[in-house]
C-alpha cells in the first residue's frame, strides 16, 4: 500500500491527468491537520456545531468530534510517514477500518 507524492504542484498542474493533484493535496491537508492539532489530539472547531465527521466507524456514542488523530494515522499508513505516526499516536479503530490489517502492519513497522 503506497502513494506516490508528486514533487511539486507545478509538475501536477502540467499533467494531463489532473487526478495526480489528489495525493499532493491530501498530503498537505494532513500536514495542516498536524499543525493545528493540539497535544491531546483535538483541533479547533471550524464552522458550525453539527457534530459532522468525515467518517464515524467506531465508538459512535463517545467519539470526540474534534479529535483528528484518526485522519493523521491513516495518512501515516498511506504515505508511510513516521512523523505522521508520532503525531497520531496509536492507530485508532476508525483508521483500522479504512487501512485494514495490511495498513496496521505498515503502521507497526513505522
Protein backbone atom coordinates (compact mmCIF):
# COMPACT_ATOMS: atom_id res chain seq x y z
CA UNK A 1 0.00 0.00 0.00
CA UNK A 2 1.78 3.13 -1.15
CA UNK A 3 1.03 6.53 -2.57
CA UNK A 4 3.36 8.43 -4.86
CA UNK A 5 3.73 12.04 -3.78
CA UNK A 6 4.32 14.44 -6.66
CA UNK A 7 7.47 16.50 -6.24
CA UNK A 8 5.73 19.82 -6.80
CA UNK A 9 2.27 21.18 -7.55
CA UNK A 10 3.54 22.75 -10.77
CA UNK A 11 4.50 19.32 -12.12
CA UNK A 12 0.98 18.16 -11.36
CA UNK A 13 -0.64 21.20 -12.92
CA UNK A 14 1.17 20.45 -16.18
CA UNK A 15 -0.04 16.86 -16.17
CA UNK A 16 -2.82 15.79 -18.49
CA UNK A 17 -4.18 13.70 -15.61
CA UNK A 18 -5.45 16.19 -13.06
CA UNK A 19 -6.03 13.37 -10.56
CA UNK A 20 -2.32 13.50 -9.80
CA UNK A 21 -3.04 16.57 -7.69
CA UNK A 22 -5.00 14.49 -5.19
CA UNK A 23 -2.07 12.83 -3.37
CA UNK A 24 -0.23 16.15 -3.14
CA UNK A 25 -3.33 17.92 -1.81
CA UNK A 26 -4.14 15.14 0.64
CA UNK A 27 -0.58 15.18 1.95
CA UNK A 28 -0.75 18.95 2.54
CA UNK A 29 -4.14 18.68 4.25
CA UNK A 30 -2.69 16.09 6.64
CA UNK A 31 0.30 18.33 7.38
CA UNK A 32 -2.12 21.18 8.13
CA UNK A 33 -4.05 18.87 10.47
CA UNK A 34 -0.85 18.02 12.31
CA UNK A 35 -0.03 21.71 12.69
CA UNK A 36 -3.44 22.71 14.11
CA UNK A 37 -3.94 19.61 16.28
CA UNK A 38 -3.26 20.11 19.98
CA UNK A 39 -1.24 17.58 22.01
CA UNK A 40 -4.48 15.94 23.20
CA UNK A 41 -5.42 15.19 19.57
CA UNK A 42 -8.15 17.79 19.23
CA UNK A 43 -8.29 20.54 16.64
CA UNK A 44 -10.08 23.87 16.88
CA UNK A 45 -13.72 23.80 15.85
CA UNK A 46 -14.18 25.30 12.41
CA UNK A 47 -17.69 26.04 11.20
CA UNK A 48 -20.97 25.07 12.79
CA UNK A 49 -21.53 22.55 15.55
CA UNK A 50 -23.46 19.81 13.73
CA UNK A 51 -21.10 17.11 15.03
CA UNK A 52 -20.34 16.00 11.50
CA UNK A 53 -17.33 13.85 10.81
CA UNK A 54 -15.54 12.50 7.79
CA UNK A 55 -16.41 9.01 8.91
CA UNK A 56 -17.54 7.56 12.22
CA UNK A 57 -16.59 3.91 12.16
CA UNK A 58 -16.15 3.21 15.84
CA UNK A 59 -17.15 4.48 19.28
CA UNK A 60 -20.08 6.49 17.96
CA UNK A 61 -21.56 7.13 21.39
CA UNK A 62 -18.38 8.61 22.84
CA UNK A 63 -16.24 9.82 19.93
CA UNK A 64 -14.58 13.19 20.27
CA UNK A 65 -15.85 15.38 17.46
CA UNK A 66 -12.66 17.44 17.41
CA UNK A 67 -10.15 14.55 17.54
CA UNK A 68 -8.25 14.42 14.24
CA UNK A 69 -5.71 11.73 15.14
CA UNK A 70 -7.53 9.02 13.18
CA UNK A 71 -7.09 11.05 9.98
CA UNK A 72 -3.40 11.60 10.68
CA UNK A 73 -2.87 7.88 11.38
CA UNK A 74 -4.48 6.99 8.03
CA UNK A 75 -2.07 9.44 6.41
CA UNK A 76 0.84 7.78 8.21
CA UNK A 77 -0.08 4.50 6.52
CA UNK A 78 -0.81 5.93 3.08
CA UNK A 79 2.37 7.99 2.91
CA UNK A 80 4.45 5.70 5.17
CA UNK A 81 5.49 8.62 7.37
CA UNK A 82 6.95 8.13 10.84
CA UNK A 83 6.36 11.79 11.69
CA UNK A 84 2.65 11.36 10.99
CA UNK A 85 2.61 8.29 13.24
CA UNK A 86 4.32 10.27 16.00
CA UNK A 87 1.66 12.98 15.71
CA UNK A 88 -1.21 10.48 15.68
CA UNK A 89 -0.09 8.11 18.42
CA UNK A 90 -1.80 4.75 18.24
CA UNK A 91 -3.76 3.58 15.21
CA UNK A 92 -7.34 4.25 16.23
CA UNK A 93 -10.26 1.95 15.40
CA UNK A 94 -11.67 4.33 12.78
CA UNK A 95 -8.36 4.27 10.93
CA UNK A 96 -8.13 0.48 11.12
CA UNK A 97 -11.45 0.11 9.30
CA UNK A 98 -10.01 2.16 6.44
CA UNK A 99 -6.50 0.69 6.17
CA UNK A 100 -7.18 -2.89 7.28
CA UNK A 101 -4.71 -5.48 8.52
CA UNK A 102 -2.14 -4.56 5.87
CA UNK A 103 -2.25 -0.93 6.99
CA UNK A 104 -1.94 -1.98 10.63
CA UNK A 105 1.22 -3.93 9.78
CA UNK A 106 2.65 -0.91 7.96
CA UNK A 107 1.81 1.28 10.96
CA UNK A 108 3.57 -1.08 13.36
CA UNK A 109 6.75 -1.02 11.25
CA UNK A 110 6.89 2.79 11.05
